[in-house]
Protein backbone atom coordinates (compact mmCIF):
# COMPACT_ATOMS: atom_id res chain seq x y z
CA UNK A 1 -18.02 7.58 -11.18
CA UNK A 2 -18.31 4.01 -9.92
CA UNK A 3 -15.03 2.25 -9.19
CA UNK A 4 -14.83 -1.41 -10.18
CA UNK A 5 -11.73 -2.27 -8.11
CA UNK A 6 -9.82 -0.38 -5.42
CA UNK A 7 -6.17 -1.15 -4.64
CA UNK A 8 -4.40 0.42 -1.67
CA UNK A 9 -1.54 -0.47 0.68
CA UNK A 10 0.64 0.68 3.55
CA UNK A 11 -1.98 2.28 5.75
CA UNK A 12 0.08 1.28 8.82
CA UNK A 13 -2.91 1.51 11.12
CA UNK A 14 -1.68 1.59 14.71
CA UNK A 15 1.33 3.78 13.94
CA UNK A 16 1.68 7.43 14.91
CA UNK A 17 1.69 8.70 11.31
CA UNK A 18 -1.18 6.66 9.82
CA UNK A 19 -3.64 8.88 7.93
CA UNK A 20 -6.66 6.90 9.13
CA UNK A 21 -9.00 9.91 9.11
CA UNK A 22 -8.09 10.74 5.51
CA UNK A 23 -8.49 7.12 4.41
CA UNK A 24 -11.88 6.96 6.11
CA UNK A 25 -12.96 10.16 4.35
CA UNK A 26 -11.91 8.72 0.99
CA UNK A 27 -13.74 5.43 1.56
CA UNK A 28 -16.87 7.38 2.54
CA UNK A 29 -16.60 9.46 -0.64
CA UNK A 30 -16.95 6.42 -2.93
CA UNK A 31 -20.38 6.63 -4.61
CA UNK A 32 -20.87 2.85 -4.47
CA UNK A 33 -19.00 -0.06 -2.88
CA UNK A 34 -16.35 -1.40 -5.32
CA UNK A 35 -16.78 -4.93 -6.66
CA UNK A 36 -13.35 -5.81 -5.24
CA UNK A 37 -10.88 -4.25 -2.83
CA UNK A 38 -7.24 -5.32 -2.66
CA UNK A 39 -5.48 -4.38 0.59
CA UNK A 40 -1.86 -4.84 -0.49
CA UNK A 41 -0.02 -5.30 2.79
CA UNK A 42 0.96 -3.30 5.87
CA UNK A 43 -2.67 -2.56 6.68
CA UNK A 44 -1.86 -2.97 10.37
CA UNK A 45 1.58 -1.94 11.63
CA UNK A 46 2.49 -5.01 13.66
CA UNK A 47 5.99 -3.63 14.26
CA UNK A 48 4.45 -0.98 16.53
CA UNK A 49 2.44 -3.45 18.63
CA UNK A 50 5.05 -3.61 21.40
CA UNK A 51 6.05 0.07 21.32
CA UNK A 52 4.37 3.29 20.12
CA UNK A 53 1.03 1.58 19.38
CA UNK A 54 -1.48 4.29 18.40
CA UNK A 55 -4.88 2.78 17.60
CA UNK A 56 -7.65 5.40 17.56
CA UNK A 57 -11.36 5.55 16.75
CA UNK A 58 -10.66 6.33 13.10
CA UNK A 59 -8.77 3.05 12.79
CA UNK A 60 -11.86 1.24 14.07
CA UNK A 61 -14.06 3.20 11.67
CA UNK A 62 -11.85 2.31 8.68
CA UNK A 63 -12.22 -1.39 9.52
CA UNK A 64 -15.97 -0.99 10.02
CA UNK A 65 -16.32 0.85 6.68
CA UNK A 66 -14.49 -1.92 4.83
CA UNK A 67 -16.71 -4.53 6.51
CA UNK A 68 -19.79 -2.53 5.50
CA UNK A 69 -18.59 -2.86 1.88
CA UNK A 70 -18.27 -6.63 2.38
CA UNK A 71 -21.84 -6.70 3.71
CA UNK A 72 -22.96 -5.07 0.44
CA UNK A 73 -21.17 -7.63 -1.74
CA UNK A 74 -17.58 -6.37 -2.06
CA UNK A 75 -14.88 -9.06 -2.22
CA UNK A 76 -11.81 -8.14 -0.16
CA UNK A 77 -8.38 -9.62 -0.95
CA UNK A 78 -5.67 -9.00 1.65
CA UNK A 79 -2.07 -9.53 0.47
CA UNK A 80 0.20 -9.77 3.50
CA UNK A 81 3.15 -7.36 3.89
CA UNK A 82 6.21 -7.21 6.12
CA UNK A 83 4.64 -5.04 8.85
CA UNK A 84 1.73 -7.49 9.19
CA UNK A 85 3.80 -10.61 8.44
CA UNK A 86 2.48 -12.32 11.59
CA UNK A 87 -0.58 -13.13 9.45
CA UNK A 88 1.55 -15.40 7.23
CA UNK A 89 1.68 -17.99 9.99
CA UNK A 90 -2.08 -18.52 9.52
CA UNK A 91 -1.81 -19.36 5.82
CA UNK A 92 -2.34 -23.09 5.06
CA UNK A 93 0.88 -24.72 3.76
CA UNK A 94 -0.96 -26.41 0.88
CA UNK A 95 -2.97 -23.52 -0.62
CA UNK A 96 -1.21 -20.51 0.97
CA UNK A 97 -4.59 -18.82 1.01
CA UNK A 98 -7.14 -18.40 3.79
CA UNK A 99 -10.82 -17.67 3.15
CA UNK A 100 -13.19 -15.87 5.53
CA UNK A 101 -16.35 -15.76 3.43
CA UNK A 102 -15.86 -12.74 1.15
CA UNK A 103 -12.41 -11.96 2.60
CA UNK A 104 -9.29 -13.74 1.31
CA UNK A 105 -5.82 -13.68 2.86
CA UNK A 106 -2.70 -14.66 0.88
CA UNK A 107 0.81 -13.57 -0.07
CA UNK A 108 -0.24 -12.78 -3.63
CA UNK A 109 -3.27 -12.74 -5.88
CA UNK A 110 -4.08 -12.64 -9.58
CA UNK A 111 -6.52 -10.02 -10.79
CA UNK A 112 -8.16 -9.93 -14.21
CA UNK A 113 -9.21 -6.46 -15.33
CA UNK A 114 -12.43 -5.70 -17.19
CA UNK A 115 -10.44 -5.49 -20.44
CA UNK A 116 -8.84 -8.91 -19.94
CA UNK A 117 -5.41 -8.02 -18.49
CA UNK A 118 -3.96 -10.45 -15.95
CA UNK A 119 -2.24 -8.61 -13.08
CA UNK A 120 -0.16 -9.94 -10.20
CA UNK A 121 -1.04 -8.35 -6.84
CA UNK A 122 1.68 -8.58 -4.17
CA UNK A 123 2.99 -6.34 -1.38
CA UNK A 124 6.58 -6.55 -2.60
CA UNK A 125 8.60 -7.02 0.58
CA UNK A 126 9.92 -10.38 -0.69
CA UNK A 127 11.76 -8.42 -3.40
CA UNK A 128 13.43 -6.09 -0.92
CA UNK A 129 17.02 -7.28 -0.50
CA UNK A 130 17.39 -5.61 2.91
CA UNK A 131 14.44 -7.64 4.27
CA UNK A 132 15.49 -10.88 2.62
CA UNK A 133 19.14 -10.90 3.61
CA UNK A 134 19.65 -8.30 6.37
CA UNK A 135 16.51 -7.71 8.41
CA UNK A 136 18.35 -5.45 10.84
CA UNK A 137 18.85 -2.98 7.96
CA UNK A 138 15.12 -2.93 7.41
CA UNK A 139 14.41 -2.14 11.07
CA UNK A 140 17.12 0.55 10.97
CA UNK A 141 15.52 2.00 7.85
CA UNK A 142 12.11 2.01 9.55
CA UNK A 143 13.61 3.93 12.48
CA UNK A 144 15.16 6.48 10.09
CA UNK A 145 11.89 6.83 8.20
CA UNK A 146 10.08 7.46 11.50
CA UNK A 147 12.52 10.30 12.27
CA UNK A 148 11.92 11.86 8.84
CA UNK A 149 8.15 11.64 9.33
CA UNK A 150 8.43 13.38 12.68
CA UNK A 151 10.60 16.06 11.07
CA UNK A 152 7.83 16.60 8.49
CA UNK A 153 5.52 17.88 11.21
CA UNK A 154 8.05 20.40 12.55
CA UNK A 155 9.08 21.62 9.09
CA UNK A 156 5.49 22.10 7.94
CA UNK A 157 4.65 24.00 11.13
CA UNK A 158 7.48 26.47 10.35
CA UNK A 159 6.30 26.68 6.72
CA UNK A 160 2.76 27.43 7.93
CA UNK A 161 4.07 30.32 10.09
CA UNK A 162 5.68 31.83 6.99
CA UNK A 163 2.52 31.45 4.93
CA UNK A 164 3.24 28.20 3.05
CA UNK A 165 0.02 26.23 3.40
CA UNK A 166 0.79 23.28 1.13
CA UNK A 167 2.20 20.19 2.87
CA UNK A 168 5.84 19.41 1.99
CA UNK A 169 7.45 16.06 2.78
CA UNK A 170 11.13 15.86 3.75
CA UNK A 171 11.01 12.05 3.62
CA UNK A 172 9.66 12.16 0.06
CA UNK A 173 12.34 14.63 -0.99
CA UNK A 174 15.07 12.39 0.43
CA UNK A 175 13.57 9.37 -1.33
CA UNK A 176 13.50 11.12 -4.71
CA UNK A 177 16.83 12.97 -4.51
CA UNK A 178 19.30 10.63 -2.78
CA UNK A 179 21.03 8.52 -5.42
CA UNK A 180 21.06 5.27 -3.41
CA UNK A 181 17.36 5.63 -2.68
CA UNK A 182 16.56 6.23 -6.36
CA UNK A 183 18.63 3.17 -7.34
CA UNK A 184 16.85 1.07 -4.69
CA UNK A 185 13.44 2.02 -6.09
CA UNK A 186 14.61 1.24 -9.64
CA UNK A 187 15.95 -2.18 -8.62
CA UNK A 188 12.72 -2.97 -6.78
CA UNK A 189 10.61 -2.10 -9.83
CA UNK A 190 12.81 -4.20 -12.13
CA UNK A 191 12.72 -7.27 -9.85
CA UNK A 192 8.95 -7.11 -9.53
CA UNK A 193 8.34 -6.79 -13.26
CA UNK A 194 10.67 -9.75 -13.91
CA UNK A 195 8.67 -11.81 -11.40
CA UNK A 196 5.45 -10.64 -13.03
CA UNK A 197 6.81 -11.85 -16.40
CA UNK A 198 7.62 -15.26 -14.90
CA UNK A 199 4.01 -15.52 -13.72
CA UNK A 200 2.71 -14.84 -17.24
CA UNK A 201 1.07 -11.57 -16.16
CA UNK A 202 0.90 -8.33 -18.09
CA UNK A 203 1.52 -6.19 -15.02
CA UNK A 204 2.02 -6.04 -11.27
CA UNK A 205 0.33 -4.01 -8.54
CA UNK A 206 2.33 -3.58 -5.33
CA UNK A 207 3.10 -1.33 -2.39
CA UNK A 208 5.91 -1.52 0.20
CA UNK A 209 8.21 1.32 -0.90
CA UNK A 210 5.65 4.12 -0.39
CA UNK A 211 6.24 5.53 -3.88
CA UNK A 212 3.05 5.77 -5.93
CA UNK A 213 3.58 5.22 -9.63
CA UNK A 214 2.20 3.87 -12.89
CA UNK A 215 4.79 3.10 -15.54
CA UNK A 216 5.62 0.73 -18.38
CA UNK A 217 8.77 -1.31 -17.84
CA UNK A 218 9.87 -3.28 -20.91
CA UNK A 219 6.28 -3.88 -21.96
CA UNK A 220 4.98 -4.79 -18.48
CA UNK A 221 2.84 -2.42 -16.45
CA UNK A 222 4.09 -1.51 -12.98
CA UNK A 223 1.56 -0.06 -10.54
CA UNK A 224 2.54 1.05 -7.04
CA UNK A 225 -0.31 2.17 -4.78
CA UNK A 226 1.88 4.40 -2.58
CA UNK A 227 0.74 4.72 1.04
CA UNK A 228 -1.57 6.33 3.59
CA UNK A 229 1.23 7.72 5.75
CA UNK A 230 2.43 10.51 3.46
CA UNK A 231 1.09 10.23 -0.08
CA UNK A 232 -2.55 9.25 0.55
CA UNK A 233 -2.71 7.47 -2.80
CA UNK A 234 -4.45 4.46 -4.30
CA UNK A 235 -4.92 2.75 -7.67
CA UNK A 236 -8.43 2.29 -9.02
CA UNK A 237 -9.77 0.23 -11.90
CA UNK A 238 -12.70 1.75 -13.76
CA UNK A 239 -15.49 -0.27 -15.33
CA UNK A 240 -13.77 -0.30 -18.73
CA UNK A 241 -10.58 -1.76 -17.21
CA UNK A 242 -8.51 1.44 -17.30
CA UNK A 243 -6.31 2.06 -14.27
CA UNK A 244 -5.85 5.40 -12.52
CA UNK A 245 -3.65 6.69 -9.72
CA UNK A 246 -5.72 8.58 -7.12
CA UNK A 247 -4.02 11.19 -4.93
CA UNK A 248 -6.05 12.57 -1.99
CA UNK A 249 -3.31 14.79 -0.52
């Protein structure tokens, strides 16, 4: 089935745990190039540029595949995130949007679905209190998340020895079970939907917290694309305007 619009975020290309091969496989599986693609932040992991930079051939091939879509008429909108925030310095102070032919770069975009819904598209890091007021907490959290991701590999190796073939994520389990983490996700969702309301939109599509979800919050639709580090998820818009969460794990 043809996809009208593809939304994905948090690929973290250049980091040790980026699922670039899986993302490439998914992009290749699309029957036709989408009309639009929204890359919703943290496409490149700029935080790893100085240390632990892991850029492989699959990262190059992902970029080349996206550019091949552009060549065939796809419009690409890139909403900047916190891990690629260095790109924000290139945004013009008057328009806050940079155009490269069919590729647009900005902090946020508005998307109108085929059935007439106006959606705000934004990475979401500006609604993360730890980034806004205590950046050191964010870097500490990134370090802790890296440890959990490394632990995933060891745990799943042991599970494989004992016959458990399905991937299990310790970092996901922590995120969904620890009370403070659950509260953080809930606060993030609430703040974003309030901002979406202030922008006169019927919903918001974001990333940042690596928790894929579609839900209705007080009459406003909240869509989180998840990530391509653990979840391997994306949001797609079909030709009739319906939205679907895609999971390629």
